[in-house]
């Protein structure tokens, strides 16, 4: 069975179709967002099964709330906001709450480090202070590591991020959201978003570095 091929010119057309109970519209929305919602939900909760429950509750919330949707945000943002609220509720039950509003001033356990490399790799004194003490070597993942292994390393690195960073990096770098979209759905400022994303990318870069660097000759 092939996926839905119907496309919609804008949110107004899609919402109207959903409110009419158009099965093709529902199929399109599910095909477009279901897997992405599940991936995002998984950043909040501890198991795939709970993430599935969060997504199911989200779709129920979407169906129940369609008549109240006023178009103040995009339909995508609205759906993700329902997912976020549902996931946060479940996260609180699992004691995995994510305090986005507190990120700008630093995250618990990050030690204040926001660079892509450990500060110990830079010179701290003398004429060359601030320059490399231990410079990075180039990556050659195609020659050193199979593609599946690289993807597994990336996935593990992202899963090991603090919760706020997992969410922002998933939306920006995996789902391709703009910074404005991320800020809208998470209710954070552009500054917070930039700080979180920078820290996430830096941590992933540092986690992958030992595996993908070219060995010394």
N, C-alpha and C. Protein backbone atom coordinates (compact mmCIF):
# COMPACT_ATOMS: atom_id res chain seq x y z
N UNK A 1 0.85 -1.21 0.00
CA UNK A 1 0.00 0.00 0.00
C UNK A 1 0.88 1.24 0.00
N UNK A 2 0.67 2.16 -0.89
CA UNK A 2 1.48 3.36 -0.97
C UNK A 2 0.93 4.44 -0.08
N UNK A 3 1.81 5.40 0.27
CA UNK A 3 1.40 6.49 1.13
C UNK A 3 0.53 7.49 0.40
N UNK A 4 -0.03 8.45 1.12
CA UNK A 4 -0.91 9.43 0.51
C UNK A 4 -0.15 10.34 -0.44
N UNK A 5 -0.77 10.69 -1.58
CA UNK A 5 -0.13 11.55 -2.56
C UNK A 5 -0.77 12.93 -2.61
N UNK A 6 -1.85 13.13 -1.90
CA UNK A 6 -2.54 14.42 -1.89
C UNK A 6 -1.65 15.47 -1.25
N UNK A 7 -1.62 16.68 -1.83
CA UNK A 7 -0.89 17.79 -1.23
C UNK A 7 -1.87 18.92 -0.97
N UNK A 8 -1.48 19.82 -0.06
CA UNK A 8 -2.37 20.91 0.33
C UNK A 8 -1.63 22.23 0.18
N UNK A 9 -2.30 23.19 -0.43
CA UNK A 9 -1.66 24.46 -0.76
C UNK A 9 -1.28 25.25 0.47
N UNK A 10 -2.10 25.20 1.50
CA UNK A 10 -1.82 25.96 2.71
C UNK A 10 -2.56 25.35 3.89
N UNK A 11 -2.29 25.89 5.07
CA UNK A 11 -2.92 25.38 6.29
C UNK A 11 -4.43 25.50 6.25
N UNK A 12 -4.92 26.60 5.68
CA UNK A 12 -6.38 26.81 5.64
C UNK A 12 -7.07 25.68 4.90
N UNK A 13 -6.51 25.30 3.76
CA UNK A 13 -7.08 24.21 2.97
C UNK A 13 -7.00 22.89 3.73
N UNK A 14 -5.86 22.64 4.37
CA UNK A 14 -5.66 21.39 5.09
C UNK A 14 -6.59 21.31 6.30
N UNK A 15 -6.67 22.39 7.07
CA UNK A 15 -7.53 22.39 8.25
C UNK A 15 -8.99 22.18 7.85
N UNK A 16 -9.40 22.83 6.78
CA UNK A 16 -10.78 22.66 6.31
C UNK A 16 -11.05 21.20 5.97
N UNK A 17 -10.09 20.55 5.30
CA UNK A 17 -10.25 19.14 4.94
C UNK A 17 -10.30 18.26 6.19
N UNK A 18 -9.46 18.56 7.15
CA UNK A 18 -9.46 17.79 8.40
C UNK A 18 -10.79 17.94 9.14
N UNK A 19 -11.31 19.15 9.16
CA UNK A 19 -12.57 19.38 9.86
C UNK A 19 -13.74 18.69 9.16
N UNK A 20 -13.61 18.48 7.86
CA UNK A 20 -14.66 17.75 7.13
C UNK A 20 -14.55 16.25 7.36
N UNK A 21 -13.48 15.83 7.99
CA UNK A 21 -13.27 14.41 8.19
C UNK A 21 -12.69 13.72 6.97
N UNK A 22 -12.00 14.47 6.13
CA UNK A 22 -11.41 13.92 4.92
C UNK A 22 -10.30 12.93 5.29
N UNK A 23 -10.48 11.67 4.96
CA UNK A 23 -9.51 10.64 5.32
C UNK A 23 -8.16 10.86 4.65
N UNK A 24 -8.17 11.40 3.43
CA UNK A 24 -6.91 11.66 2.75
C UNK A 24 -6.10 12.73 3.47
N UNK A 25 -6.79 13.71 4.04
CA UNK A 25 -6.10 14.76 4.79
C UNK A 25 -5.47 14.19 6.05
N UNK A 26 -6.22 13.36 6.74
CA UNK A 26 -5.66 12.73 7.95
C UNK A 26 -4.48 11.83 7.59
N UNK A 27 -4.60 11.10 6.48
CA UNK A 27 -3.51 10.23 6.06
C UNK A 27 -2.27 11.04 5.73
N UNK A 28 -2.45 12.19 5.10
CA UNK A 28 -1.32 13.05 4.74
C UNK A 28 -0.62 13.58 5.99
N UNK A 29 -1.42 14.04 6.95
CA UNK A 29 -0.85 14.59 8.18
C UNK A 29 -0.08 13.51 8.95
N UNK A 30 -0.66 12.33 9.04
CA UNK A 30 0.02 11.23 9.72
C UNK A 30 1.33 10.89 9.02
N UNK A 31 1.28 10.81 7.71
CA UNK A 31 2.48 10.47 6.95
C UNK A 31 3.55 11.54 7.11
N UNK A 32 3.13 12.78 7.21
CA UNK A 32 4.06 13.91 7.29
C UNK A 32 4.71 14.04 8.66
N UNK A 33 3.96 13.77 9.73
CA UNK A 33 4.44 14.12 11.06
C UNK A 33 4.61 12.97 12.05
N UNK A 34 3.98 11.84 11.83
CA UNK A 34 3.93 10.81 12.87
C UNK A 34 5.33 10.36 13.31
N UNK A 35 6.19 10.02 12.37
CA UNK A 35 7.53 9.54 12.73
C UNK A 35 8.34 10.63 13.42
N UNK A 36 8.19 11.86 12.97
CA UNK A 36 8.94 12.97 13.57
C UNK A 36 8.46 13.24 15.00
N UNK A 37 7.16 13.17 15.19
CA UNK A 37 6.62 13.35 16.54
C UNK A 37 7.12 12.26 17.47
N UNK A 38 7.16 11.04 16.98
CA UNK A 38 7.63 9.93 17.80
C UNK A 38 9.09 10.12 18.20
N UNK A 39 9.90 10.58 17.25
CA UNK A 39 11.30 10.82 17.55
C UNK A 39 11.45 11.92 18.60
N UNK A 40 10.68 12.98 18.46
CA UNK A 40 10.77 14.06 19.44
C UNK A 40 10.26 13.61 20.81
N UNK A 41 9.17 12.88 20.82
CA UNK A 41 8.62 12.39 22.09
C UNK A 41 9.64 11.54 22.82
N UNK A 42 10.42 10.79 22.05
CA UNK A 42 11.41 9.88 22.66
C UNK A 42 12.51 10.64 23.39
N UNK A 43 12.71 11.92 23.05
CA UNK A 43 13.71 12.70 23.75
C UNK A 43 13.25 13.07 25.15
N UNK A 44 11.95 12.96 25.40
CA UNK A 44 11.40 13.31 26.70
C UNK A 44 11.24 12.11 27.63
N UNK A 45 10.89 10.97 27.06
CA UNK A 45 10.50 9.83 27.88
C UNK A 45 11.50 8.69 27.73
N UNK A 46 11.38 7.70 28.60
CA UNK A 46 12.45 6.71 28.75
C UNK A 46 12.34 5.51 27.82
N UNK A 47 11.18 5.26 27.22
CA UNK A 47 11.04 4.08 26.37
C UNK A 47 10.28 4.40 25.09
N UNK A 48 10.48 3.56 24.08
CA UNK A 48 9.74 3.71 22.83
C UNK A 48 8.24 3.54 23.05
N UNK A 49 7.88 2.64 23.96
CA UNK A 49 6.46 2.38 24.21
C UNK A 49 5.77 3.63 24.75
N UNK A 50 6.43 4.33 25.67
CA UNK A 50 5.84 5.54 26.23
C UNK A 50 5.78 6.63 25.16
N UNK A 51 6.81 6.70 24.32
CA UNK A 51 6.80 7.68 23.23
C UNK A 51 5.61 7.42 22.30
N UNK A 52 5.32 6.15 22.02
CA UNK A 52 4.16 5.81 21.20
C UNK A 52 2.87 6.30 21.85
N UNK A 53 2.77 6.12 23.16
CA UNK A 53 1.58 6.58 23.88
C UNK A 53 1.44 8.10 23.80
N UNK A 54 2.56 8.80 23.92
CA UNK A 54 2.55 10.26 23.83
C UNK A 54 2.05 10.70 22.46
N UNK A 55 2.52 10.04 21.41
CA UNK A 55 2.10 10.40 20.06
C UNK A 55 0.62 10.10 19.86
N UNK A 56 0.16 8.98 20.37
CA UNK A 56 -1.26 8.64 20.26
C UNK A 56 -2.12 9.69 20.97
N UNK A 57 -1.69 10.10 22.15
CA UNK A 57 -2.42 11.13 22.89
C UNK A 57 -2.39 12.46 22.13
N UNK A 58 -1.28 12.72 21.46
CA UNK A 58 -1.16 13.94 20.67
C UNK A 58 -2.18 13.96 19.54
N UNK A 59 -2.29 12.86 18.81
CA UNK A 59 -3.24 12.82 17.70
C UNK A 59 -4.68 12.93 18.19
N UNK A 60 -4.95 12.35 19.34
CA UNK A 60 -6.28 12.52 19.93
C UNK A 60 -6.53 13.99 20.26
N UNK A 61 -5.50 14.64 20.78
CA UNK A 61 -5.62 16.06 21.09
C UNK A 61 -5.84 16.90 19.85
N UNK A 62 -5.18 16.52 18.76
CA UNK A 62 -5.34 17.23 17.50
C UNK A 62 -6.79 17.09 17.00
N UNK A 63 -7.31 15.88 16.99
CA UNK A 63 -8.67 15.63 16.52
C UNK A 63 -9.67 16.40 17.37
N UNK A 64 -9.50 16.34 18.68
CA UNK A 64 -10.44 17.01 19.58
C UNK A 64 -10.34 18.53 19.49
N UNK A 65 -9.15 19.03 19.15
CA UNK A 65 -8.95 20.48 19.17
C UNK A 65 -9.11 21.18 17.85
N UNK A 66 -9.38 20.44 16.77
CA UNK A 66 -9.46 21.05 15.45
C UNK A 66 -10.48 22.17 15.37
N UNK A 67 -11.60 21.99 16.02
CA UNK A 67 -12.64 23.02 15.94
C UNK A 67 -12.21 24.30 16.65
N UNK A 68 -11.25 24.20 17.56
CA UNK A 68 -10.79 25.37 18.31
C UNK A 68 -9.52 25.98 17.72
N UNK A 69 -8.95 25.34 16.71
CA UNK A 69 -7.72 25.86 16.12
C UNK A 69 -8.02 27.16 15.39
N UNK A 70 -7.34 28.25 15.79
CA UNK A 70 -7.64 29.57 15.27
C UNK A 70 -6.61 30.06 14.25
N UNK A 71 -5.58 29.28 13.99
CA UNK A 71 -4.60 29.68 13.00
C UNK A 71 -3.64 30.76 13.47
N UNK A 72 -3.52 30.96 14.77
CA UNK A 72 -2.57 31.96 15.27
C UNK A 72 -1.13 31.52 15.05
N UNK A 73 -0.93 30.24 14.95
CA UNK A 73 0.36 29.67 14.57
C UNK A 73 0.12 28.73 13.40
N UNK A 74 1.18 28.21 12.82
CA UNK A 74 1.00 27.24 11.75
C UNK A 74 0.42 25.95 12.32
N UNK A 75 -0.20 25.15 11.47
CA UNK A 75 -0.75 23.88 11.93
C UNK A 75 0.36 22.99 12.48
N UNK A 76 1.51 23.01 11.82
CA UNK A 76 2.64 22.20 12.28
C UNK A 76 3.06 22.61 13.69
N UNK A 77 3.18 23.92 13.92
CA UNK A 77 3.57 24.39 15.25
C UNK A 77 2.54 23.98 16.29
N UNK A 78 1.27 24.10 15.93
CA UNK A 78 0.19 23.74 16.86
C UNK A 78 0.26 22.26 17.22
N UNK A 79 0.46 21.40 16.22
CA UNK A 79 0.56 19.96 16.48
C UNK A 79 1.74 19.67 17.39
N UNK A 80 2.88 20.29 17.10
CA UNK A 80 4.06 20.05 17.93
C UNK A 80 3.89 20.59 19.34
N UNK A 81 3.16 21.69 19.49
CA UNK A 81 2.91 22.21 20.83
C UNK A 81 2.07 21.23 21.64
N UNK A 82 1.09 20.60 21.00
CA UNK A 82 0.31 19.57 21.69
C UNK A 82 1.22 18.41 22.09
N UNK A 83 2.07 18.00 21.18
CA UNK A 83 3.04 16.93 21.48
C UNK A 83 3.93 17.31 22.64
N UNK A 84 4.45 18.55 22.63
CA UNK A 84 5.35 19.00 23.69
C UNK A 84 4.65 19.01 25.04
N UNK A 85 3.43 19.52 25.07
CA UNK A 85 2.69 19.56 26.34
C UNK A 85 2.42 18.16 26.86
N UNK A 86 2.03 17.27 25.96
CA UNK A 86 1.76 15.88 26.35
C UNK A 86 3.04 15.21 26.83
N UNK A 87 4.13 15.41 26.10
CA UNK A 87 5.39 14.79 26.46
C UNK A 87 5.92 15.32 27.78
N UNK A 88 5.77 16.63 28.00
CA UNK A 88 6.24 17.21 29.26
C UNK A 88 5.48 16.63 30.45
N UNK A 89 4.18 16.45 30.27
CA UNK A 89 3.38 15.85 31.34
C UNK A 89 3.88 14.46 31.68
N UNK A 90 4.13 13.67 30.65
CA UNK A 90 4.66 12.32 30.88
C UNK A 90 6.07 12.37 31.44
N UNK A 91 6.86 13.35 31.00
CA UNK A 91 8.23 13.47 31.49
C UNK A 91 8.26 13.79 32.98
N UNK A 92 7.32 14.63 33.41
CA UNK A 92 7.24 14.96 34.84
C UNK A 92 6.96 13.70 35.64
N UNK A 93 6.06 12.86 35.13
CA UNK A 93 5.76 11.61 35.82
C UNK A 93 7.00 10.72 35.89
N UNK A 94 7.85 10.81 34.88
CA UNK A 94 9.07 10.00 34.86
C UNK A 94 10.26 10.75 35.44
N UNK A 95 9.97 11.95 35.99
CA UNK A 95 11.02 12.80 36.56
C UNK A 95 12.08 13.14 35.52
N UNK A 96 11.61 13.47 34.31
CA UNK A 96 12.51 13.87 33.23
C UNK A 96 12.10 15.24 32.68
N UNK A 97 11.61 16.12 33.58
CA UNK A 97 11.14 17.42 33.14
C UNK A 97 12.27 18.25 32.54
N UNK A 98 11.97 19.03 31.48
CA UNK A 98 12.97 19.82 30.78
C UNK A 98 12.70 21.31 30.97
N UNK A 99 13.46 22.00 31.81
CA UNK A 99 13.21 23.42 32.09
C UNK A 99 13.83 24.33 31.03
N UNK A 100 13.17 24.51 29.89
CA UNK A 100 13.74 25.30 28.81
C UNK A 100 14.04 26.73 29.24
N UNK A 101 13.23 27.29 30.12
CA UNK A 101 13.40 28.70 30.46
C UNK A 101 14.70 28.97 31.19
N UNK A 102 15.35 27.94 31.73
CA UNK A 102 16.55 28.16 32.52
C UNK A 102 17.83 27.91 31.75
N UNK A 103 17.72 27.63 30.47
CA UNK A 103 18.90 27.17 29.72
C UNK A 103 19.90 28.28 29.46
N UNK A 104 19.44 29.50 29.22
CA UNK A 104 20.35 30.55 28.80
C UNK A 104 21.48 30.78 29.79
N UNK A 105 21.18 30.58 31.07
CA UNK A 105 22.19 30.84 32.08
C UNK A 105 23.08 29.65 32.35
N UNK A 106 22.90 28.55 31.64
CA UNK A 106 23.73 27.37 31.83
C UNK A 106 22.88 26.20 32.25
N UNK A 107 23.28 25.00 31.88
CA UNK A 107 22.53 23.80 32.18
C UNK A 107 23.22 22.99 33.25
N UNK A 108 22.44 22.33 34.07
CA UNK A 108 23.00 21.52 35.13
C UNK A 108 23.91 20.46 34.54
N UNK A 109 25.11 20.37 35.08
CA UNK A 109 26.01 19.32 34.68
C UNK A 109 26.82 19.62 33.44
N UNK A 110 26.70 20.86 32.86
CA UNK A 110 27.48 21.11 31.65
C UNK A 110 28.82 21.75 31.96
N UNK A 111 29.02 22.13 33.25
CA UNK A 111 30.30 22.68 33.65
C UNK A 111 30.64 23.99 32.98
N UNK A 112 29.66 24.62 32.32
CA UNK A 112 29.91 25.88 31.67
C UNK A 112 30.64 25.78 30.35
N UNK A 113 30.97 24.57 29.92
CA UNK A 113 31.72 24.38 28.68
C UNK A 113 30.80 24.50 27.48
N UNK A 114 31.12 25.42 26.55
CA UNK A 114 30.28 25.63 25.38
C UNK A 114 31.07 25.49 24.09
N UNK A 115 32.31 25.06 24.14
CA UNK A 115 33.12 24.92 22.94
C UNK A 115 33.03 23.54 22.36
N UNK A 116 33.53 23.40 21.13
CA UNK A 116 33.51 22.09 20.48
C UNK A 116 34.65 21.21 20.96
N UNK A 117 35.65 21.80 21.64
CA UNK A 117 36.80 21.04 22.10
C UNK A 117 37.08 21.35 23.56
N UNK A 118 37.68 20.39 24.24
CA UNK A 118 38.07 20.56 25.62
C UNK A 118 39.06 21.72 25.74
N UNK A 119 38.86 22.65 26.69
CA UNK A 119 39.79 23.77 26.85
C UNK A 119 41.23 23.35 27.06
N UNK A 120 41.46 22.14 27.56
CA UNK A 120 42.82 21.67 27.79
C UNK A 120 43.59 21.49 26.49
N UNK A 121 42.89 21.48 25.35
CA UNK A 121 43.56 21.31 24.07
C UNK A 121 44.13 22.63 23.54
N UNK A 122 43.97 23.73 24.30
CA UNK A 122 44.50 25.03 23.89
C UNK A 122 45.58 25.50 24.85
N UNK A 123 46.54 26.26 24.32
CA UNK A 123 47.59 26.83 25.15
C UNK A 123 46.99 27.93 26.03
N UNK A 124 47.43 28.00 27.27
CA UNK A 124 46.86 28.96 28.22
C UNK A 124 47.81 30.10 28.57
N UNK A 125 49.05 30.04 28.11
CA UNK A 125 50.01 31.08 28.45
C UNK A 125 51.06 31.20 27.35
N UNK A 126 51.88 32.25 27.48
CA UNK A 126 52.95 32.44 26.52
C UNK A 126 52.50 33.14 25.25
N UNK A 127 53.40 33.22 24.30
CA UNK A 127 53.14 33.94 23.06
C UNK A 127 51.98 33.34 22.27
N UNK A 128 51.80 32.01 22.38
CA UNK A 128 50.78 31.33 21.59
C UNK A 128 49.54 30.96 22.43
N UNK A 129 49.29 31.71 23.48
CA UNK A 129 48.11 31.47 24.31
C UNK A 129 46.85 31.55 23.46
N UNK A 130 45.96 30.56 23.64
CA UNK A 130 44.73 30.50 22.86
C UNK A 130 44.85 29.69 21.60
N UNK A 131 46.09 29.34 21.20
CA UNK A 131 46.30 28.50 20.03
C UNK A 131 46.26 27.04 20.44
N UNK A 132 46.18 26.17 19.42
CA UNK A 132 46.11 24.74 19.68
C UNK A 132 47.34 24.24 20.43
N UNK A 133 47.10 23.47 21.50
CA UNK A 133 48.15 22.67 22.11
C UNK A 133 48.11 21.27 21.50
N UNK A 134 46.87 20.77 21.30
CA UNK A 134 46.67 19.48 20.64
C UNK A 134 45.65 19.71 19.53
N UNK A 135 46.10 19.99 18.33
CA UNK A 135 45.16 20.31 17.24
C UNK A 135 44.34 19.11 16.82
N UNK A 136 43.12 19.34 16.32
CA UNK A 136 42.29 18.23 15.86
C UNK A 136 42.82 17.65 14.56
N UNK A 137 42.58 16.39 14.37
CA UNK A 137 42.93 15.74 13.11
C UNK A 137 41.67 15.66 12.24
N UNK A 138 41.82 15.62 10.93
CA UNK A 138 40.64 15.57 10.05
C UNK A 138 39.87 14.27 10.21
N UNK A 139 38.58 14.33 9.87
CA UNK A 139 37.74 13.14 9.91
C UNK A 139 37.79 12.44 8.56
N UNK A 140 37.77 11.13 8.57
CA UNK A 140 37.62 10.35 7.35
C UNK A 140 36.70 9.17 7.65
N UNK A 141 35.43 9.44 7.93
CA UNK A 141 34.52 8.36 8.33
C UNK A 141 34.28 7.32 7.25
N UNK A 142 34.32 7.73 5.97
CA UNK A 142 34.07 6.76 4.90
C UNK A 142 35.13 5.68 4.86
N UNK A 143 36.38 6.03 5.20
CA UNK A 143 37.47 5.07 5.15
C UNK A 143 37.62 4.29 6.45
N UNK A 144 37.28 4.89 7.57
CA UNK A 144 37.53 4.25 8.85
C UNK A 144 36.33 3.49 9.40
N UNK A 145 35.15 3.94 9.06
CA UNK A 145 33.97 3.41 9.72
C UNK A 145 32.86 3.20 8.70
N UNK A 146 32.16 2.09 8.79
CA UNK A 146 31.02 1.85 7.92
C UNK A 146 29.93 2.87 8.20
N UNK A 147 29.14 3.16 7.15
CA UNK A 147 28.09 4.17 7.29
C UNK A 147 27.14 3.84 8.43
N UNK A 148 26.74 2.58 8.56
CA UNK A 148 25.81 2.21 9.63
C UNK A 148 26.41 2.48 11.00
N UNK A 149 27.72 2.26 11.12
CA UNK A 149 28.37 2.49 12.40
C UNK A 149 28.45 3.99 12.71
N UNK A 150 28.70 4.79 11.65
CA UNK A 150 28.73 6.23 11.84
C UNK A 150 27.37 6.74 12.32
N UNK A 151 26.31 6.25 11.66
CA UNK A 151 24.96 6.66 12.06
C UNK A 151 24.66 6.25 13.50
N UNK A 152 25.13 5.07 13.88
CA UNK A 152 24.93 4.62 15.26
C UNK A 152 25.68 5.52 16.24
N UNK A 153 26.88 5.93 15.87
CA UNK A 153 27.65 6.83 16.72
C UNK A 153 26.95 8.17 16.89
N UNK A 154 26.43 8.68 15.77
CA UNK A 154 25.71 9.96 15.82
C UNK A 154 24.47 9.83 16.69
N UNK A 155 23.72 8.74 16.48
CA UNK A 155 22.50 8.53 17.26
C UNK A 155 22.82 8.44 18.76
N UNK A 156 23.86 7.70 19.10
CA UNK A 156 24.23 7.56 20.50
C UNK A 156 24.67 8.90 21.09
N UNK A 157 25.40 9.68 20.28
CA UNK A 157 25.86 10.99 20.76
C UNK A 157 24.68 11.92 21.03
N UNK A 158 23.69 11.91 20.14
CA UNK A 158 22.51 12.75 20.34
C UNK A 158 21.70 12.26 21.53
N UNK A 159 21.55 10.94 21.67
CA UNK A 159 20.80 10.39 22.80
C UNK A 159 21.47 10.72 24.13
N UNK A 160 22.79 10.93 24.10
CA UNK A 160 23.52 11.24 25.32
C UNK A 160 23.48 12.70 25.71
N UNK A 161 22.85 13.54 24.88
CA UNK A 161 22.77 14.96 25.19
C UNK A 161 21.79 15.23 26.33
N UNK A 162 21.98 16.33 27.06
CA UNK A 162 20.93 16.78 27.99
C UNK A 162 19.62 16.98 27.22
N UNK A 163 18.50 16.82 27.90
CA UNK A 163 17.21 16.82 27.24
C UNK A 163 16.94 18.02 26.36
N UNK A 164 17.24 19.24 26.87
CA UNK A 164 16.98 20.44 26.09
C UNK A 164 17.74 20.42 24.77
N UNK A 165 18.97 19.96 24.85
CA UNK A 165 19.81 19.93 23.65
C UNK A 165 19.32 18.89 22.66
N UNK A 166 18.87 17.73 23.16
CA UNK A 166 18.34 16.71 22.26
C UNK A 166 17.16 17.25 21.47
N UNK A 167 16.27 17.96 22.14
CA UNK A 167 15.07 18.46 21.49
C UNK A 167 15.42 19.48 20.41
N UNK A 168 16.22 20.47 20.78
CA UNK A 168 16.56 21.53 19.83
C UNK A 168 17.35 20.98 18.65
N UNK A 169 18.32 20.11 18.91
CA UNK A 169 19.12 19.56 17.82
C UNK A 169 18.27 18.67 16.91
N UNK A 170 17.35 17.92 17.49
CA UNK A 170 16.47 17.08 16.69
C UNK A 170 15.62 17.92 15.74
N UNK A 171 15.08 19.03 16.26
CA UNK A 171 14.24 19.88 15.43
C UNK A 171 15.05 20.62 14.37
N UNK A 172 16.20 21.17 14.76
CA UNK A 172 16.99 21.97 13.82
C UNK A 172 17.74 21.11 12.81
N UNK A 173 18.50 20.12 13.30
CA UNK A 173 19.44 19.42 12.44
C UNK A 173 18.90 18.13 11.84
N UNK A 174 17.85 17.58 12.41
CA UNK A 174 17.27 16.36 11.85
C UNK A 174 16.00 16.68 11.07
N UNK A 175 15.10 17.46 11.66
CA UNK A 175 13.85 17.79 10.98
C UNK A 175 13.95 19.04 10.11
N UNK A 176 15.04 19.80 10.24
CA UNK A 176 15.26 20.94 9.37
C UNK A 176 14.43 22.16 9.69
N UNK A 177 14.03 22.33 10.95
CA UNK A 177 13.25 23.49 11.34
C UNK A 177 14.11 24.75 11.33
N UNK A 178 13.48 25.90 11.13
CA UNK A 178 14.18 27.17 11.26
C UNK A 178 14.28 27.52 12.74
N UNK A 179 15.17 28.45 13.06
CA UNK A 179 15.31 28.87 14.45
C UNK A 179 14.01 29.50 14.95
N UNK A 180 13.33 30.23 14.07
CA UNK A 180 12.07 30.87 14.47
C UNK A 180 11.01 29.83 14.83
N UNK A 181 10.92 28.77 14.02
CA UNK A 181 9.95 27.71 14.30
C UNK A 181 10.25 27.04 15.64
N UNK A 182 11.52 26.77 15.89
CA UNK A 182 11.90 26.13 17.16
C UNK A 182 11.54 27.03 18.34
N UNK A 183 11.85 28.31 18.22
CA UNK A 183 11.53 29.24 19.30
C UNK A 183 10.03 29.30 19.56
N UNK A 184 9.24 29.28 18.50
CA UNK A 184 7.79 29.35 18.65
C UNK A 184 7.23 28.13 19.35
N UNK A 185 7.68 26.95 18.95
CA UNK A 185 7.09 25.75 19.51
C UNK A 185 7.59 25.47 20.92
N UNK A 186 8.81 25.90 21.23
CA UNK A 186 9.36 25.65 22.56
C UNK A 186 9.16 26.82 23.52
N UNK A 187 8.79 27.96 22.99
CA UNK A 187 8.59 29.11 23.86
C UNK A 187 9.88 29.64 24.44
N UNK A 188 10.96 29.65 23.63
CA UNK A 188 12.25 30.16 24.09
C UNK A 188 12.69 31.30 23.18
N UNK A 189 13.69 32.06 23.63
CA UNK A 189 14.18 33.18 22.84
C UNK A 189 15.18 32.71 21.81
N UNK A 190 15.46 33.58 20.84
CA UNK A 190 16.46 33.27 19.83
C UNK A 190 17.83 33.04 20.49
N UNK A 191 18.13 33.82 21.51
CA UNK A 191 19.41 33.66 22.21
C UNK A 191 19.50 32.29 22.86
N UNK A 192 18.45 31.89 23.56
CA UNK A 192 18.44 30.57 24.18
C UNK A 192 18.59 29.47 23.15
N UNK A 193 17.88 29.60 22.04
CA UNK A 193 17.94 28.59 21.00
C UNK A 193 19.35 28.45 20.46
N UNK A 194 20.01 29.58 20.23
CA UNK A 194 21.38 29.54 19.70
C UNK A 194 22.34 28.89 20.69
N UNK A 195 22.19 29.22 21.98
CA UNK A 195 23.06 28.65 23.00
C UNK A 195 22.87 27.13 23.09
N UNK A 196 21.61 26.71 23.12
CA UNK A 196 21.32 25.27 23.23
C UNK A 196 21.86 24.52 22.03
N UNK A 197 21.60 25.04 20.83
CA UNK A 197 22.04 24.35 19.62
C UNK A 197 23.55 24.29 19.54
N UNK A 198 24.21 25.38 19.91
CA UNK A 198 25.68 25.40 19.89
C UNK A 198 26.24 24.34 20.83
N UNK A 199 25.68 24.26 22.03
CA UNK A 199 26.16 23.28 23.00
C UNK A 199 25.90 21.85 22.53
N UNK A 200 24.74 21.66 21.91
CA UNK A 200 24.42 20.31 21.41
C UNK A 200 25.39 19.90 20.32
N UNK A 201 25.62 20.78 19.35
CA UNK A 201 26.54 20.45 18.26
C UNK A 201 27.95 20.25 18.78
N UNK A 202 28.35 21.06 19.77
CA UNK A 202 29.70 20.92 20.32
C UNK A 202 29.87 19.57 21.00
N UNK A 203 28.87 19.16 21.77
CA UNK A 203 28.96 17.87 22.47
C UNK A 203 28.99 16.70 21.48
N UNK A 204 28.15 16.77 20.44
CA UNK A 204 28.14 15.70 19.46
C UNK A 204 29.48 15.66 18.72
N UNK A 205 30.00 16.82 18.36
CA UNK A 205 31.31 16.89 17.69
C UNK A 205 32.39 16.26 18.57
N UNK A 206 32.38 16.60 19.85
CA UNK A 206 33.39 16.07 20.75
C UNK A 206 33.24 14.56 20.94
N UNK A 207 32.00 14.08 20.96
CA UNK A 207 31.75 12.65 21.15
C UNK A 207 32.22 11.85 19.94
N UNK A 208 32.07 12.42 18.75
CA UNK A 208 32.44 11.71 17.52
C UNK A 208 33.92 11.82 17.21
N UNK A 209 34.55 12.87 17.71
CA UNK A 209 35.93 13.16 17.36
C UNK A 209 36.88 11.96 17.52
N UNK A 210 36.86 11.27 18.67
CA UNK A 210 37.82 10.17 18.84
C UNK A 210 37.60 9.02 17.86
N UNK A 211 36.38 8.85 17.37
CA UNK A 211 36.06 7.73 16.48
C UNK A 211 36.40 8.01 15.02
N UNK A 212 36.33 9.28 14.62
CA UNK A 212 36.40 9.60 13.20
C UNK A 212 37.65 10.33 12.77
N UNK A 213 38.53 10.65 13.71
CA UNK A 213 39.76 11.32 13.34
C UNK A 213 40.69 10.39 12.57
N UNK A 214 41.48 10.97 11.69
CA UNK A 214 42.50 10.20 10.99
C UNK A 214 43.60 9.88 11.98
N UNK A 215 44.01 8.62 12.01
CA UNK A 215 45.05 8.19 12.94
C UNK A 215 46.39 8.82 12.56
N UNK A 216 47.22 9.08 13.56
CA UNK A 216 48.56 9.60 13.30
C UNK A 216 49.37 8.57 12.52
N UNK A 217 50.14 9.07 11.58
CA UNK A 217 50.99 8.19 10.79
C UNK A 217 52.37 8.08 11.41
